[in-house]
PDB file of N, CA and C in Angstrom:
ATOM      1  N   MET A   1     -51.365  41.893 -30.210  1.00  0.00           N
ATOM      2  CA  MET A   1     -50.961  42.401 -31.499  1.00  0.00           C
ATOM      3  C   MET A   1     -51.578  43.786 -31.676  1.00  0.00           C
ATOM      4  N   THR A   2     -50.814  44.695 -32.191  1.00  0.00           N
ATOM      5  CA  THR A   2     -51.334  46.048 -32.414  1.00  0.00           C
ATOM      6  C   THR A   2     -51.938  46.155 -33.799  1.00  0.00           C
ATOM      7  N   SER A   3     -52.885  47.048 -33.909  1.00  0.00           N
ATOM      8  CA  SER A   3     -53.508  47.251 -35.218  1.00  0.00           C
ATOM      9  C   SER A   3     -52.630  48.173 -36.054  1.00  0.00           C
ATOM     10  N   PRO A   4     -52.690  48.027 -37.363  1.00  0.00           N
ATOM     11  CA  PRO A   4     -51.874  48.882 -38.221  1.00  0.00           C
ATOM     12  C   PRO A   4     -52.299  50.337 -38.075  1.00  0.00           C
ATOM     13  N   ALA A   5     -51.328  51.212 -38.194  1.00  0.00           N
ATOM     14  CA  ALA A   5     -51.621  52.645 -38.118  1.00  0.00           C
ATOM     15  C   ALA A   5     -52.478  53.050 -39.304  1.00  0.00           C
ATOM     16  N   THR A   6     -53.387  53.941 -39.042  1.00  0.00           N
ATOM     17  CA  THR A   6     -54.201  54.457 -40.133  1.00  0.00           C
ATOM     18  C   THR A   6     -53.729  55.857 -40.467  1.00  0.00           C
ATOM     19  N   HIS A   7     -53.760  56.175 -41.703  1.00  0.00           N
ATOM     20  CA  HIS A   7     -53.324  57.475 -42.186  1.00  0.00           C
ATOM     21  C   HIS A   7     -54.444  58.080 -43.018  1.00  0.00           C
ATOM     22  N   ALA A   8     -54.520  59.389 -42.967  1.00  0.00           N
ATOM     23  CA  ALA A   8     -55.507  60.072 -43.802  1.00  0.00           C
ATOM     24  C   ALA A   8     -55.152  59.833 -45.263  1.00  0.00           C
ATOM     25  N   PRO A   9     -56.136  59.554 -46.084  1.00  0.00           N
ATOM     26  CA  PRO A   9     -55.848  59.348 -47.505  1.00  0.00           C
ATOM     27  C   PRO A   9     -55.374  60.642 -48.152  1.00  0.00           C
ATOM     28  N   LEU A  10     -54.574  60.488 -49.178  1.00  0.00           N
ATOM     29  CA  LEU A  10     -54.148  61.662 -49.940  1.00  0.00           C
ATOM     30  C   LEU A  10     -55.375  62.217 -50.632  1.00  0.00           C
ATOM     31  N   ALA A  11     -55.640  63.477 -50.400  1.00  0.00           N
ATOM     32  CA  ALA A  11     -56.901  64.019 -50.872  1.00  0.00           C
ATOM     33  C   ALA A  11     -56.806  65.494 -51.194  1.00  0.00           C
ATOM     34  N   HIS A  12     -57.960  66.037 -51.498  1.00  0.00           N
ATOM     35  CA  HIS A  12     -58.099  67.431 -51.890  1.00  0.00           C
ATOM     36  C   HIS A  12     -57.349  68.356 -50.936  1.00  0.00           C
ATOM     37  N   GLY A  13     -56.539  69.223 -51.503  1.00  0.00           N
ATOM     38  CA  GLY A  13     -55.813  70.205 -50.716  1.00  0.00           C
ATOM     39  C   GLY A  13     -54.466  69.737 -50.208  1.00  0.00           C
ATOM     40  N   HIS A  14     -54.195  68.441 -50.269  1.00  0.00           N
ATOM     41  CA  HIS A  14     -52.874  67.951 -49.895  1.00  0.00           C
ATOM     42  C   HIS A  14     -51.894  68.279 -51.021  1.00  0.00           C
ATOM     43  N   THR A  15     -50.613  68.121 -50.742  1.00  0.00           N
ATOM     44  CA  THR A  15     -49.588  68.481 -51.721  1.00  0.00           C
ATOM     45  C   THR A  15     -48.718  67.288 -52.066  1.00  0.00           C
ATOM     46  N   ALA A  16     -48.520  67.082 -53.369  1.00  0.00           N
ATOM     47  CA  ALA A  16     -47.631  66.045 -53.879  1.00  0.00           C
ATOM     48  C   ALA A  16     -46.431  66.702 -54.545  1.00  0.00           C
ATOM     49  N   VAL A  17     -45.235  66.204 -54.244  1.00  0.00           N
ATOM     50  CA  VAL A  17     -44.007  66.633 -54.913  1.00  0.00           C
ATOM     51  C   VAL A  17     -43.541  65.454 -55.752  1.00  0.00           C
ATOM     52  N   ILE A  18     -43.391  65.682 -57.050  1.00  0.00           N
ATOM     53  CA  ILE A  18     -43.058  64.591 -57.961  1.00  0.00           C
ATOM     54  C   ILE A  18     -41.871  64.995 -58.819  1.00  0.00           C
ATOM     55  N   THR A  19     -40.774  64.231 -58.729  1.00  0.00           N
ATOM     56  CA  THR A  19     -39.636  64.469 -59.606  1.00  0.00           C
ATOM     57  C   THR A  19     -39.762  63.550 -60.820  1.00  0.00           C
ATOM     58  N   GLY A  20     -39.123  63.950 -61.905  1.00  0.00           N
ATOM     59  CA  GLY A  20     -39.301  63.203 -63.145  1.00  0.00           C
ATOM     60  C   GLY A  20     -40.732  63.320 -63.635  1.00  0.00           C
ATOM     61  N   ALA A  21     -41.345  64.476 -63.379  1.00  0.00           N
ATOM     62  CA  ALA A  21     -42.783  64.664 -63.584  1.00  0.00           C
ATOM     63  C   ALA A  21     -43.193  64.944 -65.021  1.00  0.00           C
ATOM     64  N   ALA A  22     -42.244  65.128 -65.916  1.00  0.00           N
ATOM     65  CA  ALA A  22     -42.593  65.513 -67.285  1.00  0.00           C
ATOM     66  C   ALA A  22     -42.990  64.337 -68.171  1.00  0.00           C
ATOM     67  N   SER A  23     -42.734  63.114 -67.717  1.00  0.00           N
ATOM     68  CA  SER A  23     -43.054  61.965 -68.568  1.00  0.00           C
ATOM     69  C   SER A  23     -43.150  60.695 -67.728  1.00  0.00           C
ATOM     70  N   GLY A  24     -43.621  59.644 -68.361  1.00  0.00           N
ATOM     71  CA  GLY A  24     -43.632  58.321 -67.746  1.00  0.00           C
ATOM     72  C   GLY A  24     -44.383  58.239 -66.429  1.00  0.00           C
ATOM     73  N   PHE A  25     -43.790  57.500 -65.474  1.00  0.00           N
ATOM     74  CA  PHE A  25     -44.424  57.304 -64.172  1.00  0.00           C
ATOM     75  C   PHE A  25     -44.654  58.625 -63.447  1.00  0.00           C
ATOM     76  N   GLY A  26     -43.719  59.562 -63.584  1.00  0.00           N
ATOM     77  CA  GLY A  26     -43.870  60.852 -62.917  1.00  0.00           C
ATOM     78  C   GLY A  26     -45.068  61.627 -63.427  1.00  0.00           C
ATOM     79  N   LEU A  27     -45.270  61.621 -64.731  1.00  0.00           N
ATOM     80  CA  LEU A  27     -46.423  62.308 -65.303  1.00  0.00           C
ATOM     81  C   LEU A  27     -47.715  61.617 -64.876  1.00  0.00           C
ATOM     82  N   GLU A  28     -47.716  60.300 -64.870  1.00  0.00           N
ATOM     83  CA  GLU A  28     -48.922  59.579 -64.436  1.00  0.00           C
ATOM     84  C   GLU A  28     -49.214  59.847 -62.960  1.00  0.00           C
ATOM     85  N   ALA A  29     -48.190  59.893 -62.121  1.00  0.00           N
ATOM     86  CA  ALA A  29     -48.397  60.232 -60.708  1.00  0.00           C
ATOM     87  C   ALA A  29     -48.969  61.638 -60.579  1.00  0.00           C
ATOM     88  N   SER A  30     -48.524  62.552 -61.427  1.00  0.00           N
ATOM     89  CA  SER A  30     -49.055  63.920 -61.421  1.00  0.00           C
ATOM     90  C   SER A  30     -50.530  63.927 -61.797  1.00  0.00           C
ATOM     91  N   ARG A  31     -50.893  63.130 -62.780  1.00  0.00           N
ATOM     92  CA  ARG A  31     -52.306  63.025 -63.182  1.00  0.00           C
ATOM     93  C   ARG A  31     -53.164  62.498 -62.029  1.00  0.00           C
ATOM     94  N   ILE A  32     -52.676  61.456 -61.375  1.00  0.00           N
ATOM     95  CA  ILE A  32     -53.425  60.864 -60.263  1.00  0.00           C
ATOM     96  C   ILE A  32     -53.600  61.887 -59.146  1.00  0.00           C
ATOM     97  N   ALA A  33     -52.534  62.584 -58.805  1.00  0.00           N
ATOM     98  CA  ALA A  33     -52.609  63.599 -57.748  1.00  0.00           C
ATOM     99  C   ALA A  33     -53.603  64.695 -58.123  1.00  0.00           C
ATOM    100  N   ALA A  34     -53.556  65.137 -59.368  1.00  0.00           N
ATOM    101  CA  ALA A  34     -54.470  66.194 -59.820  1.00  0.00           C
ATOM    102  C   ALA A  34     -55.917  65.730 -59.739  1.00  0.00           C
ATOM    103  N   ARG A  35     -56.174  64.496 -60.139  1.00  0.00           N
ATOM    104  CA  ARG A  35     -57.544  63.973 -60.098  1.00  0.00           C
ATOM    105  C   ARG A  35     -58.063  63.826 -58.670  1.00  0.00           C
ATOM    106  N   ARG A  36     -57.156  63.713 -57.712  1.00  0.00           N
ATOM    107  CA  ARG A  36     -57.541  63.643 -56.298  1.00  0.00           C
ATOM    108  C   ARG A  36     -57.702  65.033 -55.692  1.00  0.00           C
ATOM    109  N   GLY A  37     -57.460  66.071 -56.484  1.00  0.00           N
ATOM    110  CA  GLY A  37     -57.606  67.434 -55.987  1.00  0.00           C
ATOM    111  C   GLY A  37     -56.398  67.947 -55.228  1.00  0.00           C
ATOM    112  N   MET A  38     -55.260  67.307 -55.439  1.00  0.00           N
ATOM    113  CA  MET A  38     -54.046  67.708 -54.733  1.00  0.00           C
ATOM    114  C   MET A  38     -53.347  68.861 -55.446  1.00  0.00           C
ATOM    115  N   ASN A  39     -52.561  69.628 -54.691  1.00  0.00           N
ATOM    116  CA  ASN A  39     -51.610  70.564 -55.276  1.00  0.00           C
ATOM    117  C   ASN A  39     -50.462  69.712 -55.794  1.00  0.00           C
ATOM    118  N   VAL A  40     -49.906  70.061 -56.949  1.00  0.00           N
ATOM    119  CA  VAL A  40     -48.873  69.224 -57.548  1.00  0.00           C
ATOM    120  C   VAL A  40     -47.622  70.049 -57.826  1.00  0.00           C
ATOM    121  N   VAL A  41     -46.527  69.657 -57.192  1.00  0.00           N
ATOM    122  CA  VAL A  41     -45.227  70.252 -57.471  1.00  0.00           C
ATOM    123  C   VAL A  41     -44.558  69.322 -58.469  1.00  0.00           C
ATOM    124  N   MET A  42     -44.383  69.818 -59.692  1.00  0.00           N
ATOM    125  CA  MET A  42     -43.839  69.006 -60.777  1.00  0.00           C
ATOM    126  C   MET A  42     -42.412  69.446 -61.060  1.00  0.00           C
ATOM    127  N   ALA A  43     -41.468  68.541 -60.846  1.00  0.00           N
ATOM    128  CA  ALA A  43     -40.057  68.853 -61.052  1.00  0.00           C
ATOM    129  C   ALA A  43     -39.480  67.937 -62.121  1.00  0.00           C
ATOM    130  N   ASP A  44     -38.689  68.527 -63.007  1.00  0.00           N
ATOM    131  CA  ASP A  44     -38.052  67.743 -64.061  1.00  0.00           C
ATOM    132  C   ASP A  44     -36.866  68.521 -64.604  1.00  0.00           C
ATOM    133  N   VAL A  45     -35.899  67.827 -65.152  1.00  0.00           N
ATOM    134  CA  VAL A  45     -34.715  68.460 -65.723  1.00  0.00           C
ATOM    135  C   VAL A  45     -34.980  68.989 -67.137  1.00  0.00           C
ATOM    136  N   GLN A  46     -35.978  68.459 -67.804  1.00  0.00           N
ATOM    137  CA  GLN A  46     -36.279  68.845 -69.188  1.00  0.00           C
ATOM    138  C   GLN A  46     -37.347  69.937 -69.207  1.00  0.00           C
ATOM    139  N   GLN A  47     -36.901  71.177 -69.380  1.00  0.00           N
ATOM    140  CA  GLN A  47     -37.787  72.336 -69.274  1.00  0.00           C
ATOM    141  C   GLN A  47     -38.952  72.289 -70.259  1.00  0.00           C
ATOM    142  N   ASP A  48     -38.691  72.011 -71.537  1.00  0.00           N
ATOM    143  CA  ASP A  48     -39.769  72.006 -72.537  1.00  0.00           C
ATOM    144  C   ASP A  48     -40.823  70.944 -72.226  1.00  0.00           C
ATOM    145  N   ALA A  49     -40.371  69.746 -71.900  1.00  0.00           N
ATOM    146  CA  ALA A  49     -41.305  68.669 -71.562  1.00  0.00           C
ATOM    147  C   ALA A  49     -42.078  69.006 -70.288  1.00  0.00           C
ATOM    148  N   LEU A  50     -41.410  69.653 -69.337  1.00  0.00           N
ATOM    149  CA  LEU A  50     -42.072  70.048 -68.094  1.00  0.00           C
ATOM    150  C   LEU A  50     -43.192  71.041 -68.373  1.00  0.00           C
ATOM    151  N   GLU A  51     -42.931  72.024 -69.223  1.00  0.00           N
ATOM    152  CA  GLU A  51     -43.957  73.020 -69.549  1.00  0.00           C
ATOM    153  C   GLU A  51     -45.188  72.369 -70.170  1.00  0.00           C
ATOM    154  N   THR A  52     -44.970  71.412 -71.065  1.00  0.00           N
ATOM    155  CA  THR A  52     -46.085  70.697 -71.691  1.00  0.00           C
ATOM    156  C   THR A  52     -46.873  69.903 -70.648  1.00  0.00           C
ATOM    157  N   ALA A  53     -46.161  69.208 -69.768  1.00  0.00           N
ATOM    158  CA  ALA A  53     -46.817  68.403 -68.736  1.00  0.00           C
ATOM    159  C   ALA A  53     -47.587  69.281 -67.752  1.00  0.00           C
ATOM    160  N   VAL A  54     -47.007  70.410 -67.375  1.00  0.00           N
ATOM    161  CA  VAL A  54     -47.676  71.330 -66.448  1.00  0.00           C
ATOM    162  C   VAL A  54     -48.992  71.810 -67.047  1.00  0.00           C
ATOM    163  N   HIS A  55     -48.975  72.134 -68.330  1.00  0.00           N
ATOM    164  CA  HIS A  55     -50.199  72.587 -69.000  1.00  0.00           C
ATOM    165  C   HIS A  55     -51.293  71.515 -68.904  1.00  0.00           C
ATOM    166  N   GLU A  56     -50.909  70.261 -69.121  1.00  0.00           N
ATOM    167  CA  GLU A  56     -51.884  69.164 -69.027  1.00  0.00           C
ATOM    168  C   GLU A  56     -52.457  69.050 -67.614  1.00  0.00           C
ATOM    169  N   ILE A  57     -51.601  69.101 -66.614  1.00  0.00           N
ATOM    170  CA  ILE A  57     -52.049  68.911 -65.232  1.00  0.00           C
ATOM    171  C   ILE A  57     -52.882  70.098 -64.765  1.00  0.00           C
ATOM    172  N   GLU A  58     -52.527  71.298 -65.175  1.00  0.00           N
ATOM    173  CA  GLU A  58     -53.361  72.462 -64.861  1.00  0.00           C
ATOM    174  C   GLU A  58     -54.737  72.319 -65.504  1.00  0.00           C
ATOM    175  N   GLY A  59     -54.783  71.696 -66.685  1.00  0.00           N
ATOM    176  CA  GLY A  59     -56.046  71.450 -67.367  1.00  0.00           C
ATOM    177  C   GLY A  59     -56.967  70.514 -66.592  1.00  0.00           C
ATOM    178  N   LEU A  60     -56.389  69.735 -65.687  1.00  0.00           N
ATOM    179  CA  LEU A  60     -57.186  68.855 -64.824  1.00  0.00           C
ATOM    180  C   LEU A  60     -57.682  69.597 -63.582  1.00  0.00           C
ATOM    181  N   GLY A  61     -57.321  70.870 -63.472  1.00  0.00           N
ATOM    182  CA  GLY A  61     -57.800  71.693 -62.367  1.00  0.00           C
ATOM    183  C   GLY A  61     -56.866  71.804 -61.179  1.00  0.00           C
ATOM    184  N   ALA A  62     -55.674  71.238 -61.281  1.00  0.00           N
ATOM    185  CA  ALA A  62     -54.744  71.266 -60.149  1.00  0.00           C
ATOM    186  C   ALA A  62     -54.000  72.592 -60.062  1.00  0.00           C
ATOM    187  N   LYS A  63     -53.657  72.960 -58.836  1.00  0.00           N
ATOM    188  CA  LYS A  63     -52.707  74.048 -58.617  1.00  0.00           C
ATOM    189  C   LYS A  63     -51.331  73.420 -58.778  1.00  0.00           C
ATOM    190  N   VAL A  64     -50.515  73.989 -59.670  1.00  0.00           N
ATOM    191  CA  VAL A  64     -49.231  73.383 -60.009  1.00  0.00           C
ATOM    192  C   VAL A  64     -48.093  74.360 -59.747  1.00  0.00           C
ATOM    193  N   LEU A  65     -47.030  73.848 -59.154  1.00  0.00           N
ATOM    194  CA  LEU A  65     -45.776  74.581 -59.042  1.00  0.00           C
ATOM    195  C   LEU A  65     -44.765  73.852 -59.910  1.00  0.00           C
ATOM    196  N   PRO A  66     -44.429  74.410 -61.087  1.00  0.00           N
ATOM    197  CA  PRO A  66     -43.409  73.776 -61.922  1.00  0.00           C
ATOM    198  C   PRO A  66     -42.021  74.143 -61.401  1.00  0.00           C
ATOM    199  N   PHE A  67     -41.084  73.206 -61.501  1.00  0.00           N
ATOM    200  CA  PHE A  67     -39.739  73.459 -60.993  1.00  0.00           C
ATOM    201  C   PHE A  67     -38.740  72.701 -61.841  1.00  0.00           C
ATOM    202  N   ARG A  68     -37.878  73.427 -62.529  1.00  0.00           N
ATOM    203  CA  ARG A  68     -36.816  72.791 -63.312  1.00  0.00           C
ATOM    204  C   ARG A  68     -35.760  72.318 -62.324  1.00  0.00           C
ATOM    205  N   LEU A  69     -35.453  71.028 -62.342  1.00  0.00           N
ATOM    206  CA  LEU A  69     -34.620  70.430 -61.303  1.00  0.00           C
ATOM    207  C   LEU A  69     -33.683  69.372 -61.854  1.00  0.00           C
ATOM    208  N   ASP A  70     -32.433  69.451 -61.434  1.00  0.00           N
ATOM    209  CA  ASP A  70     -31.465  68.381 -61.658  1.00  0.00           C
ATOM    210  C   ASP A  70     -31.222  67.754 -60.290  1.00  0.00           C
ATOM    211  N   VAL A  71     -31.730  66.552 -60.062  1.00  0.00           N
ATOM    212  CA  VAL A  71     -31.644  65.926 -58.741  1.00  0.00           C
ATOM    213  C   VAL A  71     -30.211  65.604 -58.326  1.00  0.00           C
ATOM    214  N   ALA A  72     -29.268  65.668 -59.256  1.00  0.00           N
ATOM    215  CA  ALA A  72     -27.866  65.432 -58.925  1.00  0.00           C
ATOM    216  C   ALA A  72     -27.219  66.646 -58.261  1.00  0.00           C
ATOM    217  N   LYS A  73     -27.951  67.753 -58.206  1.00  0.00           N
ATOM    218  CA  LYS A  73     -27.419  68.991 -57.621  1.00  0.00           C
ATOM    219  C   LYS A  73     -28.160  69.296 -56.323  1.00  0.00           C
ATOM    220  N   ALA A  74     -27.462  69.115 -55.207  1.00  0.00           N
ATOM    221  CA  ALA A  74     -28.075  69.272 -53.883  1.00  0.00           C
ATOM    222  C   ALA A  74     -28.711  70.641 -53.699  1.00  0.00           C
ATOM    223  N   ALA A  75     -28.076  71.679 -54.194  1.00  0.00           N
ATOM    224  CA  ALA A  75     -28.623  73.031 -54.028  1.00  0.00           C
ATOM    225  C   ALA A  75     -29.977  73.165 -54.719  1.00  0.00           C
ATOM    226  N   GLU A  76     -30.149  72.514 -55.861  1.00  0.00           N
ATOM    227  CA  GLU A  76     -31.431  72.565 -56.566  1.00  0.00           C
ATOM    228  C   GLU A  76     -32.503  71.790 -55.805  1.00  0.00           C
ATOM    229  N   VAL A  77     -32.130  70.668 -55.215  1.00  0.00           N
ATOM    230  CA  VAL A  77     -33.087  69.883 -54.427  1.00  0.00           C
ATOM    231  C   VAL A  77     -33.526  70.686 -53.199  1.00  0.00           C
ATOM    232  N   GLU A  78     -32.574  71.353 -52.557  1.00  0.00           N
ATOM    233  CA  GLU A  78     -32.914  72.196 -51.407  1.00  0.00           C
ATOM    234  C   GLU A  78     -33.830  73.342 -51.829  1.00  0.00           C
ATOM    235  N   ALA A  79     -33.559  73.935 -52.984  1.00  0.00           N
ATOM    236  CA  ALA A  79     -34.412  75.016 -53.488  1.00  0.00           C
ATOM    237  C   ALA A  79     -35.826  74.512 -53.775  1.00  0.00           C
ATOM    238  N   LEU A  80     -35.944  73.281 -54.270  1.00  0.00           N
ATOM    239  CA  LEU A  80     -37.259  72.678 -54.493  1.00  0.00           C
ATOM    240  C   LEU A  80     -38.028  72.580 -53.177  1.00  0.00           C
ATOM    241  N   GLY A  81     -37.360  72.121 -52.138  1.00  0.00           N
ATOM    242  CA  GLY A  81     -38.007  72.017 -50.833  1.00  0.00           C
ATOM    243  C   GLY A  81     -38.490  73.366 -50.320  1.00  0.00           C
ATOM    244  N   ARG A  82     -37.652  74.380 -50.447  1.00  0.00           N
ATOM    245  CA  ARG A  82     -38.041  75.720 -49.997  1.00  0.00           C
ATOM    246  C   ARG A  82     -39.215  76.252 -50.799  1.00  0.00           C
ATOM    247  N   ALA A  83     -39.153  76.097 -52.122  1.00  0.00           N
ATOM    248  CA  ALA A  83     -40.228  76.602 -52.986  1.00  0.00           C
ATOM    249  C   ALA A  83     -41.551  75.902 -52.681  1.00  0.00           C
ATOM    250  N   THR A  84     -41.482  74.596 -52.454  1.00  0.00           N
ATOM    251  CA  THR A  84     -42.687  73.836 -52.114  1.00  0.00           C
ATOM    252  C   THR A  84     -43.291  74.348 -50.814  1.00  0.00           C
ATOM    253  N   PHE A  85     -42.462  74.473 -49.791  1.00  0.00           N
ATOM    254  CA  PHE A  85     -42.952  74.922 -48.490  1.00  0.00           C
ATOM    255  C   PHE A  85     -43.512  76.337 -48.566  1.00  0.00           C
ATOM    256  N   ASP A  86     -42.826  77.209 -49.296  1.00  0.00           N
ATOM    257  CA  ASP A  86     -43.294  78.592 -49.421  1.00  0.00           C
ATOM    258  C   ASP A  86     -44.651  78.680 -50.111  1.00  0.00           C
ATOM    259  N   ARG A  87     -44.890  77.824 -51.084  1.00  0.00           N
ATOM    260  CA  ARG A  87     -46.135  77.888 -51.860  1.00  0.00           C
ATOM    261  C   ARG A  87     -47.284  77.114 -51.218  1.00  0.00           C
ATOM    262  N   PHE A  88     -46.993  75.899 -50.734  1.00  0.00           N
ATOM    263  CA  PHE A  88     -48.064  75.016 -50.277  1.00  0.00           C
ATOM    264  C   PHE A  88     -47.911  74.507 -48.839  1.00  0.00           C
ATOM    265  N   GLY A  89     -46.811  74.795 -48.194  1.00  0.00           N
ATOM    266  CA  GLY A  89     -46.534  74.199 -46.884  1.00  0.00           C
ATOM    267  C   GLY A  89     -45.858  72.845 -47.067  1.00  0.00           C
ATOM    268  N   ALA A  90     -45.825  72.070 -45.998  1.00  0.00           N
ATOM    269  CA  ALA A  90     -45.164  70.765 -46.043  1.00  0.00           C
ATOM    270  C   ALA A  90     -45.917  69.807 -46.964  1.00  0.00           C
ATOM    271  N   PRO A  91     -45.195  69.027 -47.768  1.00  0.00           N
ATOM    272  CA  PRO A  91     -45.869  68.078 -48.658  1.00  0.00           C
ATOM    273  C   PRO A  91     -46.405  66.872 -47.887  1.00  0.00           C
ATOM    274  N   HIS A  92     -47.419  66.251 -48.471  1.00  0.00           N
ATOM    275  CA  HIS A  92     -48.014  65.043 -47.906  1.00  0.00           C
ATOM    276  C   HIS A  92     -47.522  63.790 -48.625  1.00  0.00           C
ATOM    277  N   PHE A  93     -46.986  63.972 -49.818  1.00  0.00           N
ATOM    278  CA  PHE A  93     -46.576  62.850 -50.665  1.00  0.00           C
ATOM    279  C   PHE A  93     -45.377  63.294 -51.487  1.00  0.00           C
ATOM    280  N   VAL A  94     -44.324  62.489 -51.500  1.00  0.00           N
ATOM    281  CA  VAL A  94     -43.147  62.778 -52.322  1.00  0.00           C
ATOM    282  C   VAL A  94     -42.837  61.529 -53.136  1.00  0.00           C
ATOM    283  N   PHE A  95     -42.761  61.703 -54.442  1.00  0.00           N
ATOM    284  CA  PHE A  95     -42.430  60.609 -55.353  1.00  0.00           C
ATOM    285  C   PHE A  95     -41.132  60.976 -56.052  1.00  0.00           C
ATOM    286  N   ASN A  96     -40.021  60.409 -55.571  1.00  0.00           N
ATOM    287  CA  ASN A  96     -38.708  60.692 -56.139  1.00  0.00           C
ATOM    288  C   ASN A  96     -38.476  59.734 -57.301  1.00  0.00           C
ATOM    289  N   ASN A  97     -38.957  60.145 -58.450  1.00  0.00           N
ATOM    290  CA  ASN A  97     -38.985  59.307 -59.630  1.00  0.00           C
ATOM    291  C   ASN A  97     -37.868  59.631 -60.617  1.00  0.00           C
ATOM    292  N   ALA A  98     -37.191  60.751 -60.425  1.00  0.00           N
ATOM    293  CA  ALA A  98     -36.157  61.166 -61.377  1.00  0.00           C
ATOM    294  C   ALA A  98     -34.952  60.247 -61.274  1.00  0.00           C
ATOM    295  N   GLY A  99     -34.306  60.063 -62.394  1.00  0.00           N
ATOM    296  CA  GLY A  99     -33.099  59.258 -62.394  1.00  0.00           C
ATOM    297  C   GLY A  99     -32.485  59.213 -63.767  1.00  0.00           C
ATOM    298  N   VAL A 100     -31.302  58.699 -63.805  1.00  0.00           N
ATOM    299  CA  VAL A 100     -30.583  58.579 -65.064  1.00  0.00           C
ATOM    300  C   VAL A 100     -30.204  57.121 -65.234  1.00  0.00           C
ATOM    301  N   GLY A 101     -30.539  56.576 -66.373  1.00  0.00           N
ATOM    302  CA  GLY A 101     -30.170  55.202 -66.652  1.00  0.00           C
ATOM    303  C   GLY A 101     -28.898  55.148 -67.478  1.00  0.00           C
ATOM    304  N   ALA A 102     -28.130  54.121 -67.263  1.00  0.00           N
ATOM    305  CA  ALA A 102     -26.904  53.932 -68.035  1.00  0.00           C
ATOM    306  C   ALA A 102     -26.941  52.545 -68.657  1.00  0.00           C
ATOM    307  N   GLY A 103     -26.622  52.486 -69.921  1.00  0.00           N
ATOM    308  CA  GLY A 103     -26.585  51.195 -70.594  1.00  0.00           C
ATOM    309  C   GLY A 103     -25.354  50.414 -70.170  1.00  0.00           C
ATOM    310  N   GLY A 104     -25.418  49.114 -70.380  1.00  0.00           N
ATOM    311  CA  GLY A 104     -24.214  48.398 -70.014  1.00  0.00           C
ATOM    312  C   GLY A 104     -24.333  46.948 -70.011  1.00  0.00           C
TER     313      GLY A 104
END
């Protein structure tokens, strides 16, 4: 039997990309990443809420790249990837939390 692979823990200087980052689980994931000393790429479709959330996460000492994003638009998702790589290099953690719920 082989032993499970070990991975370096997410830590100081690593980069997290989080969609839906302005509220809920996305905002909490951003807080956790910031407290671990990670760079945080915060993406959300709601610009005003994103600005408020970015201010909070920067207050925790994180380097933040805010990005207004509609995940339904492939060109915007590709632009997010380019912006992330240009600023911080390849991400270590991606939390695709954005979504739209429909009642029914």
